[in-house]
């Protein structure tokens, strides 16, 4: 039995490639890909749209890593990213701080500050 068969999800970290590179990841059972800032900051908008479109068609969720500003978050959402992580949303925290933040309701389901 595989990890997927056991109910685990597999996430690829530090993705920095073309939309076509998502296909082998899908065949490996990867359900989420964390996209490095090097890719989303330096890529033309057309490439980001192609990446989000390809991921959507393959059933792969994308997480934009390293989002530092509200403008970056706005741009990524406009280009089809549904998930992000970075200092724009929250700084690293321990488990107690995380639980407190979740219970506070300061974030919506989509991860934006309310």
Protein backbone atom coordinates (compact mmCIF):
# COMPACT_ATOMS: atom_id res chain seq x y z
CA UNK A 1 0.00 0.00 0.00
CA UNK A 2 1.12 3.53 -0.77
CA UNK A 3 0.95 6.61 1.42
CA UNK A 4 -1.92 7.84 -0.74
CA UNK A 5 -3.81 4.58 -0.16
CA UNK A 6 -3.29 5.11 3.57
CA UNK A 7 -4.98 8.53 3.37
CA UNK A 8 -1.91 10.78 3.28
CA UNK A 9 -1.61 13.74 0.91
CA UNK A 10 1.66 14.43 -0.84
CA UNK A 11 2.89 18.00 -1.33
CA UNK A 12 5.79 19.01 -3.59
CA UNK A 13 7.86 21.85 -2.17
CA UNK A 14 10.05 24.41 -3.98
CA UNK A 15 8.42 24.02 -7.42
CA UNK A 16 10.16 26.21 -9.98
CA UNK A 17 9.30 24.84 -13.41
CA UNK A 18 6.94 25.05 -16.36
CA UNK A 19 3.26 24.03 -16.38
CA UNK A 20 4.22 20.88 -18.29
CA UNK A 21 6.29 19.75 -15.29
CA UNK A 22 3.05 19.33 -13.30
CA UNK A 23 1.99 16.26 -15.31
CA UNK A 24 4.59 13.85 -13.87
CA UNK A 25 3.80 15.16 -10.39
CA UNK A 26 0.13 14.31 -10.90
CA UNK A 27 1.08 10.77 -11.94
CA UNK A 28 3.10 10.45 -8.73
CA UNK A 29 0.00 11.30 -6.72
CA UNK A 30 1.05 14.78 -5.67
CA UNK A 31 -2.04 16.83 -4.85
CA UNK A 32 -0.47 20.17 -3.84
CA UNK A 33 2.54 22.08 -5.16
CA UNK A 34 4.28 24.94 -3.34
CA UNK A 35 5.53 27.45 -5.93
CA UNK A 36 8.71 29.36 -5.13
CA UNK A 37 8.77 33.15 -5.27
CA UNK A 38 11.54 32.89 -7.88
CA UNK A 39 8.96 31.49 -10.29
CA UNK A 40 5.96 33.68 -9.56
CA UNK A 41 7.86 36.96 -9.08
CA UNK A 42 10.01 36.61 -12.18
CA UNK A 43 7.56 34.97 -14.59
CA UNK A 44 5.46 36.90 -17.03
CA UNK A 45 1.76 36.97 -16.16
CA UNK A 46 1.01 34.73 -19.14
CA UNK A 47 3.18 31.95 -17.66
CA UNK A 48 1.43 32.24 -14.28
CA UNK A 49 -1.96 31.92 -15.94
CA UNK A 50 -0.75 28.86 -17.84
CA UNK A 51 0.56 27.35 -14.61
CA UNK A 52 -2.65 27.94 -12.64
CA UNK A 53 -4.78 26.70 -15.56
CA UNK A 54 -2.69 23.53 -15.93
CA UNK A 55 -2.77 22.84 -12.19
CA UNK A 56 -6.54 23.30 -12.14
CA UNK A 57 -7.01 20.91 -15.06
CA UNK A 58 -4.81 18.31 -13.35
CA UNK A 59 -6.52 18.69 -9.98
CA UNK A 60 -3.38 20.03 -8.30
CA UNK A 61 -3.63 22.85 -5.75
CA UNK A 62 -0.95 25.56 -5.90
CA UNK A 63 0.44 27.44 -2.91
CA UNK A 64 2.45 30.59 -3.59
CA UNK A 65 5.37 30.70 -1.15
CA UNK A 66 7.01 33.85 0.18
CA UNK A 67 4.16 36.33 -0.28
CA UNK A 68 5.35 39.49 1.46
CA UNK A 69 2.98 42.27 0.39
CA UNK A 70 -0.74 42.82 -0.13
CA UNK A 71 0.00 43.76 -3.76
CA UNK A 72 1.71 40.41 -4.36
CA UNK A 73 -1.24 38.59 -2.79
CA UNK A 74 -3.69 40.54 -4.95
CA UNK A 75 -1.72 39.77 -8.12
CA UNK A 76 -1.48 36.06 -7.29
CA UNK A 77 -5.20 35.82 -6.62
CA UNK A 78 -5.87 37.59 -9.92
CA UNK A 79 -3.69 35.00 -11.69
CA UNK A 80 -5.60 32.10 -10.14
CA UNK A 81 -3.70 31.20 -6.99
CA UNK A 82 -6.14 30.19 -4.25
CA UNK A 83 -3.53 29.60 -1.54
CA UNK A 84 -0.51 31.54 -0.31
CA UNK A 85 1.91 31.63 2.56
CA UNK A 86 4.28 34.32 3.70
CA UNK A 87 4.82 37.27 5.99
CA UNK A 88 1.96 39.14 4.33
CA UNK A 89 -0.39 36.64 5.99
CA UNK A 90 1.45 35.65 9.16
CA UNK A 91 4.92 35.29 10.62
CA UNK A 92 6.24 31.91 11.78
CA UNK A 93 4.63 30.87 15.06
CA UNK A 94 4.55 28.04 17.53
CA UNK A 95 1.57 25.72 17.95
CA UNK A 96 -0.01 27.72 20.79
CA UNK A 97 0.12 30.93 18.74
CA UNK A 98 -1.33 29.12 15.72
CA UNK A 99 -4.25 27.67 17.70
CA UNK A 100 -4.95 31.10 19.18
CA UNK A 101 -4.89 32.69 15.72
CA UNK A 102 -7.27 30.07 14.31
CA UNK A 103 -9.71 30.51 17.19
CA UNK A 104 -9.60 34.31 16.87
CA UNK A 105 -11.31 34.29 13.47
CA UNK A 106 -8.76 36.84 12.17
CA UNK A 107 -8.48 34.93 8.89
CA UNK A 108 -11.13 33.84 6.45
CA UNK A 109 -11.17 30.42 4.80
CA UNK A 110 -9.19 31.80 1.85
CA UNK A 111 -6.44 33.03 4.17
CA UNK A 112 -6.95 36.76 3.82
CA UNK A 113 -7.12 38.93 6.87
CA UNK A 114 -10.66 39.98 7.62
